[in-house]
Structure formats: C-alpha cells, structure tokens
Amino acid sequence: MKKALEQYEESFGRFITNEIELNNDKYFQNIQRKLTQLTEKEAYVLNFNYSATSLLDDQILETPYLSNPVKEWVNIHGLSRWNGKNRTKIIHDYIHNNNLKIPRPIFGISKYDENNSRLLGDGDSLYKFTKTKRREEAFETLGFNPEEEDTKIIDFSSKNKKKEEKVHKETHFTVPSDINLITIFGHSLGMTDYDYFNDIFHKLNLKGKKVKLEVYYHGNNLPTLKKSLKRILKEYSNDDLYNDLCNKGLLVFRNDIDME
C-alpha cells in the first residue's frame, strides 16, 4: 500500500507540474495578486499547497508595494516540481551540490484519531501513514544525518535560500511568538491537518493572547467552515474558545469573492 501511495504522489506531482507549465503567466499573476491582498506587513507563509514555492519561484516574493514582505515560506508537504529540470535549477541557484534533493509531494492522514478522540503514536499501526511520519521519512530521503554536523540539504523551507547553513531536523516549522494575525485561506479546516493548527495555536497562545484569527470562505461553504473551526478550537482549548474569540472581535470570516 505504501509503495502504491508513493507512485500516486509521483503521478500527482507530474500532473501539477504540467498544469503550471501550461498556465505559467496566469499562475504567477494569480499568486502575486493573492499575496498582495492577504499580506499587509511581514508575513510567514505556511503553504499546504504543493505548487507555489519560493524555492523555485522568485516571482512570488516580488510584490510591488512592499520590499520582501514574506519573511519565510514553508511548503509543509513537499513540492510537485521536485525532480528533473526543477531539481537542476535548485542545485544551480543554491548550494551547488549535486547530491542535494528537494522534498517530493507527500500525502498522509491526520495524527488525530477521530474515533477515539486522541492523537496517534508510534505504536499505532496507522501512524506510518500520518503526515507527520511521512514528513520524517521525507527528511531521511533527503539525506539528513544528525551525526554529521556539516550535513547540508534543501529542506521544506525557503529560509536557507542561497546560504550554506546547517539544517536542523525540524519536522514542523517555526512560528514567531510576536505574530498578531493568523490568516487562513483556501483550507477546509478538516481534522486531517489538526496537528498543524494545534501546533500553531499553542505556539502563539491563541487562547491566552490577543491574536486575531482571519478565515476566508468560498461561496456557500461558510456554515461548514464554521463547524470545522469550532471542532478544531474545541480540541485545542477544551472550552468555548470559538465564542470567546467572536465576542472579543478576534475571529473574522471573510468572503474570498474579491480574490478570484
């Protein structure tokens, strides 16, 4: 089953790569427009998409109104354009090491077991299919060796761009503690990614600080999105955080109709 999953991931990556190449100009224009509308000051982008990445696309950081507003860009589940000429470009632009690899697209299930209301652990048979475990394996495939202090790899983040830096084995991502706005765009807020949101909310202390949560919805999916967010927030805080944020004006839903 795992081998079939890897084959599917590769086929998916090729499909997305072809779509980008067929619609290149429109693709970048769309990304730049959305970034311009979503970011006001410095931004840290956690991308659940497999396509756009500052590792390959300098264009997405070149917005006309601010100089480099995106401080860090992380593709959490790898890149669709992970091999072939794209790999060659990355090796040329970055560290000039032909042994380097870039993260392939990965699929996986949530660590959260909905049937038993708990997080899966190493001892669970399904844990090998979780996104967390799949990311760990992706790092191993990239050649990370914690015993080699001078190990250099291209990781899931753009923060090492054009630098030969030591890359630590981080299976998640860094979130600055002084962030005061979380913007969620184009995500269904399903429990599949609960562990990521849980991690972000804990690091930013969503329950105890005045962090504003801004969620974009599309068409008539607002009721479903609200229901999903209520579930995530209840699991995270174990109380009525959803209504508390609403009452304090810290939770806002926005229609993405103007961002088409």
Protein backbone atom coordinates (compact mmCIF):
# COMPACT_ATOMS: atom_id res chain seq x y z
CA MET A 1 0.00 0.00 0.00
CA LYS A 2 2.81 2.37 0.87
CA LYS A 3 4.55 1.77 -2.46
CA ALA A 4 1.30 2.46 -4.30
CA LEU A 5 0.93 5.68 -2.31
CA GLU A 6 4.41 6.81 -3.35
CA GLN A 7 3.63 6.06 -7.00
CA TYR A 8 0.43 8.08 -6.72
CA GLU A 9 2.34 11.01 -5.19
CA GLU A 10 4.77 10.98 -8.10
CA SER A 11 1.93 10.92 -10.65
CA PHE A 12 0.23 13.77 -8.81
CA GLY A 13 3.46 15.78 -8.85
CA ARG A 14 3.82 15.35 -12.61
CA PHE A 15 0.21 16.41 -13.17
CA ILE A 16 0.59 19.62 -11.13
CA THR A 17 3.91 20.39 -12.81
CA ASN A 18 2.31 20.11 -16.25
CA GLU A 19 -0.58 22.36 -15.19
CA ILE A 20 1.86 25.03 -14.01
CA GLU A 21 3.88 24.87 -17.23
CA LEU A 22 0.73 25.16 -19.35
CA ASN A 23 -0.55 28.23 -17.45
CA ASN A 24 2.73 29.80 -16.32
CA ASP A 25 1.95 33.52 -16.66
CA LYS A 26 -1.56 33.26 -15.29
CA TYR A 27 -0.31 31.06 -12.45
CA PHE A 28 2.21 33.63 -11.18
CA GLN A 29 -0.16 36.55 -11.66
CA ASN A 30 -2.75 34.77 -9.55
CA ILE A 31 -0.25 34.07 -6.76
CA GLN A 32 1.05 37.63 -6.71
CA ARG A 33 -2.47 39.05 -6.62
CA LYS A 34 -3.48 36.87 -3.68
CA LEU A 35 -0.28 37.59 -1.76
CA THR A 36 -0.81 41.31 -2.23
CA GLN A 37 -4.36 41.09 -0.88
CA LEU A 38 -3.55 38.76 2.01
CA THR A 39 -0.39 40.37 3.40
CA GLU A 40 -0.03 43.86 4.83
CA LYS A 41 3.28 43.71 6.68
CA GLU A 42 5.81 40.94 7.22
CA ALA A 43 4.28 37.52 6.65
CA TYR A 44 5.21 33.92 7.36
CA VAL A 45 3.57 31.61 4.84
CA LEU A 46 2.75 28.02 5.69
CA ASN A 47 1.66 26.54 2.38
CA PHE A 48 -0.43 23.35 2.32
CA ASN A 49 -0.34 23.52 -1.48
CA TYR A 50 2.21 21.53 -3.49
CA SER A 51 2.85 24.06 -6.23
CA ALA A 52 3.88 27.61 -5.30
CA THR A 53 7.24 27.81 -3.56
CA SER A 54 9.87 30.50 -3.15
CA LEU A 55 12.48 27.75 -3.57
CA LEU A 56 11.69 27.78 -7.29
CA ASP A 57 9.60 30.89 -7.85
CA ASP A 58 11.33 34.18 -7.04
CA GLN A 59 8.34 35.91 -8.66
CA ILE A 60 6.03 35.18 -5.74
CA LEU A 61 8.13 37.33 -3.42
CA GLU A 62 8.41 40.28 -5.79
CA THR A 63 5.34 42.31 -4.84
CA PRO A 64 5.25 45.96 -5.94
CA TYR A 65 4.02 47.56 -2.72
CA LEU A 66 6.46 46.17 -0.13
CA SER A 67 10.05 45.01 -0.24
CA ASN A 68 10.16 41.32 0.65
CA PRO A 69 7.01 41.14 2.84
CA VAL A 70 7.28 37.34 3.08
CA LYS A 71 9.89 36.55 5.72
CA GLU A 72 9.62 32.80 5.41
CA TRP A 73 7.78 30.42 3.12
CA VAL A 74 7.31 26.76 4.05
CA ASN A 75 5.79 24.08 1.81
CA ILE A 76 4.60 21.76 4.52
CA HIS A 77 4.01 18.67 2.35
CA GLY A 78 6.72 18.94 -0.28
CA LEU A 79 6.78 20.16 -3.86
CA SER A 80 5.14 18.93 -7.03
CA ARG A 81 8.18 20.07 -9.06
CA TRP A 82 10.70 18.04 -7.11
CA ASN A 83 12.79 16.45 -9.84
CA GLY A 84 14.04 16.88 -13.40
CA LYS A 85 14.92 20.38 -14.57
CA ASN A 86 13.46 21.91 -11.39
CA ARG A 87 15.93 19.99 -9.24
CA THR A 88 18.74 21.11 -11.57
CA LYS A 89 17.67 24.74 -11.17
CA ILE A 90 17.62 24.50 -7.38
CA ILE A 91 21.07 22.92 -7.27
CA HIS A 92 22.42 25.67 -9.55
CA ASP A 93 20.83 28.55 -7.64
CA TYR A 94 21.59 27.36 -4.15
CA ILE A 95 24.43 25.31 -2.77
CA HIS A 96 25.97 23.76 -5.90
CA ASN A 97 25.90 20.23 -4.51
CA ASN A 98 24.69 17.61 -6.96
CA ASN A 99 23.83 15.21 -4.13
CA LEU A 100 21.14 17.52 -2.81
CA LYS A 101 17.50 16.66 -3.25
CA ILE A 102 14.28 18.61 -2.79
CA PRO A 103 11.21 17.27 -0.97
CA ARG A 104 8.76 15.29 -3.09
CA PRO A 105 4.99 15.70 -2.60
CA ILE A 106 3.65 13.63 0.27
CA PHE A 107 0.11 12.60 1.24
CA GLY A 108 -0.95 11.34 4.63
CA ILE A 109 -3.66 11.05 7.23
CA SER A 110 -4.05 13.06 10.40
CA LYS A 111 -2.37 12.12 13.66
CA TYR A 112 -5.75 12.78 15.25
CA ASP A 113 -7.85 9.65 15.68
CA GLU A 114 -11.43 10.91 15.45
CA ASN A 115 -12.98 7.62 16.58
CA ASN A 116 -11.10 7.64 19.88
CA SER A 117 -10.53 11.41 20.24
CA ARG A 118 -6.76 11.10 20.62
CA LEU A 119 -3.52 11.58 18.73
CA LEU A 120 -1.91 8.52 17.15
CA GLY A 121 1.52 7.48 18.45
CA ASP A 122 4.46 5.44 17.17
CA GLY A 123 2.86 2.24 18.42
CA ASP A 124 -0.27 2.61 16.31
CA SER A 125 -0.41 0.63 13.07
CA LEU A 126 -1.70 3.63 11.10
CA TYR A 127 0.99 6.00 12.35
CA LYS A 128 3.24 5.21 9.36
CA PHE A 129 0.60 6.83 7.12
CA THR A 130 0.30 10.08 9.11
CA LYS A 131 1.56 13.32 7.61
CA THR A 132 3.98 13.71 10.50
CA LYS A 133 5.64 10.34 9.87
CA ARG A 134 5.64 10.86 6.12
CA ARG A 135 7.48 14.18 6.65
CA GLU A 136 10.05 12.48 8.87
CA GLU A 137 10.67 9.89 6.17
CA ALA A 138 10.96 12.64 3.56
CA PHE A 139 13.78 14.21 5.57
CA GLU A 140 15.54 10.85 5.74
CA THR A 141 15.17 10.52 1.96
CA LEU A 142 16.73 13.96 1.55
CA GLY A 143 19.84 12.55 3.20
CA PHE A 144 19.67 14.08 6.68
CA ASN A 145 22.12 12.51 9.09
CA PRO A 146 22.04 14.01 12.61
CA GLU A 147 25.50 12.57 13.30
CA GLU A 148 27.07 14.60 10.50
CA GLU A 149 27.35 18.17 11.72
CA ASP A 150 28.10 19.55 8.27
CA THR A 151 25.06 17.97 6.59
CA LYS A 152 23.58 20.35 4.04
CA ILE A 153 20.17 19.80 2.47
CA ILE A 154 17.39 21.78 0.90
CA ASP A 155 14.58 21.44 3.41
CA PHE A 156 10.86 22.26 3.21
CA SER A 157 11.52 25.93 3.88
CA SER A 158 12.95 28.82 1.90
CA LYS A 159 14.78 30.27 4.90
CA ASN A 160 18.12 28.77 3.79
CA LYS A 161 17.95 30.36 0.36
CA LYS A 162 21.38 30.90 -1.20
CA LYS A 163 23.17 30.01 2.04
CA GLU A 164 25.19 27.03 3.14
CA GLU A 165 23.66 26.59 6.56
CA LYS A 166 23.29 23.63 8.85
CA VAL A 167 19.75 22.33 8.57
CA HIS A 168 18.22 21.02 11.77
CA LYS A 169 15.80 18.12 11.69
CA GLU A 170 12.58 20.06 12.13
CA THR A 171 9.50 18.11 11.12
CA HIS A 172 7.25 21.10 11.65
CA PHE A 173 8.10 24.78 11.25
CA THR A 174 8.98 27.91 13.19
CA VAL A 175 6.32 30.43 14.17
CA PRO A 176 7.50 33.76 15.67
CA SER A 177 5.83 34.39 19.02
CA ASP A 178 5.02 38.04 18.25
CA ILE A 179 2.61 37.30 15.39
CA ASN A 180 -0.74 39.00 15.98
CA LEU A 181 -2.73 37.80 12.95
CA ILE A 182 -3.36 34.31 11.60
CA THR A 183 -4.88 34.28 8.12
CA ILE A 184 -6.31 31.01 6.78
CA PHE A 185 -7.06 30.97 3.07
CA GLY A 186 -8.15 28.08 0.85
CA HIS A 187 -8.27 25.46 3.60
CA SER A 188 -11.25 23.31 4.59
CA LEU A 189 -10.12 23.20 8.25
CA GLY A 190 -10.66 19.45 8.32
CA MET A 191 -9.21 17.36 11.12
CA THR A 192 -6.65 15.91 8.69
CA ASP A 193 -4.41 18.90 9.45
CA TYR A 194 -5.45 19.29 13.08
CA ASP A 195 -1.97 18.64 14.47
CA TYR A 196 -0.56 21.54 12.43
CA PHE A 197 -3.20 24.00 13.60
CA ASN A 198 -2.87 22.72 17.15
CA ASP A 199 0.87 23.37 16.99
CA ILE A 200 0.41 26.90 15.63
CA PHE A 201 -2.27 27.80 18.19
CA HIS A 202 -0.13 26.52 21.06
CA LYS A 203 2.99 28.38 19.91
CA LEU A 204 1.04 31.62 19.56
CA ASN A 205 -1.07 31.01 22.69
CA LEU A 206 -4.30 31.69 20.82
CA LYS A 207 -6.28 31.05 23.98
CA GLY A 208 -4.39 33.50 26.17
CA LYS A 209 -3.25 36.30 23.87
CA LYS A 210 -4.95 38.80 21.62
CA VAL A 211 -4.16 37.04 18.35
CA LYS A 212 -6.69 37.73 15.61
CA LEU A 213 -7.90 34.78 13.53
CA GLU A 214 -8.98 35.63 9.98
CA VAL A 215 -10.62 32.87 7.92
CA TYR A 216 -11.57 33.16 4.23
CA TYR A 217 -14.53 31.19 2.90
CA HIS A 218 -15.70 30.48 -0.62
CA GLY A 219 -19.27 30.52 -1.94
CA ASN A 220 -21.77 28.89 0.43
CA ASN A 221 -19.27 26.88 2.49
CA LEU A 222 -19.29 29.30 5.46
CA PRO A 223 -21.55 27.13 7.71
CA THR A 224 -19.34 24.08 7.08
CA LEU A 225 -16.19 26.08 7.70
CA LYS A 226 -17.53 27.46 10.99
CA LYS A 227 -18.45 23.96 12.13
CA SER A 228 -14.98 22.67 11.29
CA LEU A 229 -13.26 25.56 13.06
CA LYS A 230 -15.39 25.06 16.18
CA ARG A 231 -14.23 21.46 16.34
CA ILE A 232 -10.56 22.36 15.92
CA LEU A 233 -10.74 25.08 18.57
CA LYS A 234 -12.60 22.80 20.99
CA GLU A 235 -9.94 20.11 20.65
CA TYR A 236 -7.21 22.70 21.08
CA SER A 237 -8.61 24.55 24.10
CA ASN A 238 -11.18 22.16 25.57
CA ASP A 239 -13.58 25.04 26.17
CA ASP A 240 -15.72 27.52 24.24
CA LEU A 241 -12.84 29.39 22.62
CA TYR A 242 -14.77 29.90 19.38
CA ASN A 243 -17.44 32.09 21.01
CA ASP A 244 -14.84 33.78 23.19
CA LEU A 245 -12.85 34.90 20.14
CA CYS A 246 -16.06 36.06 18.41
CA ASN A 247 -17.12 38.12 21.44
CA LYS A 248 -13.71 39.79 21.59
CA GLY A 249 -13.75 40.57 17.87
CA LEU A 250 -10.72 38.33 17.33
CA LEU A 251 -12.40 35.93 14.90
CA VAL A 252 -13.39 37.22 11.45
CA PHE A 253 -14.73 35.38 8.39
CA ARG A 254 -14.12 36.98 5.03
CA ASN A 255 -15.61 36.15 1.63
CA ASP A 256 -12.92 35.48 -0.97
CA ILE A 257 -15.17 36.60 -3.83
CA ASP A 258 -12.95 39.66 -4.42
CA MET A 259 -9.86 37.48 -4.77
CA GLU A 260 -10.90 35.50 -7.84
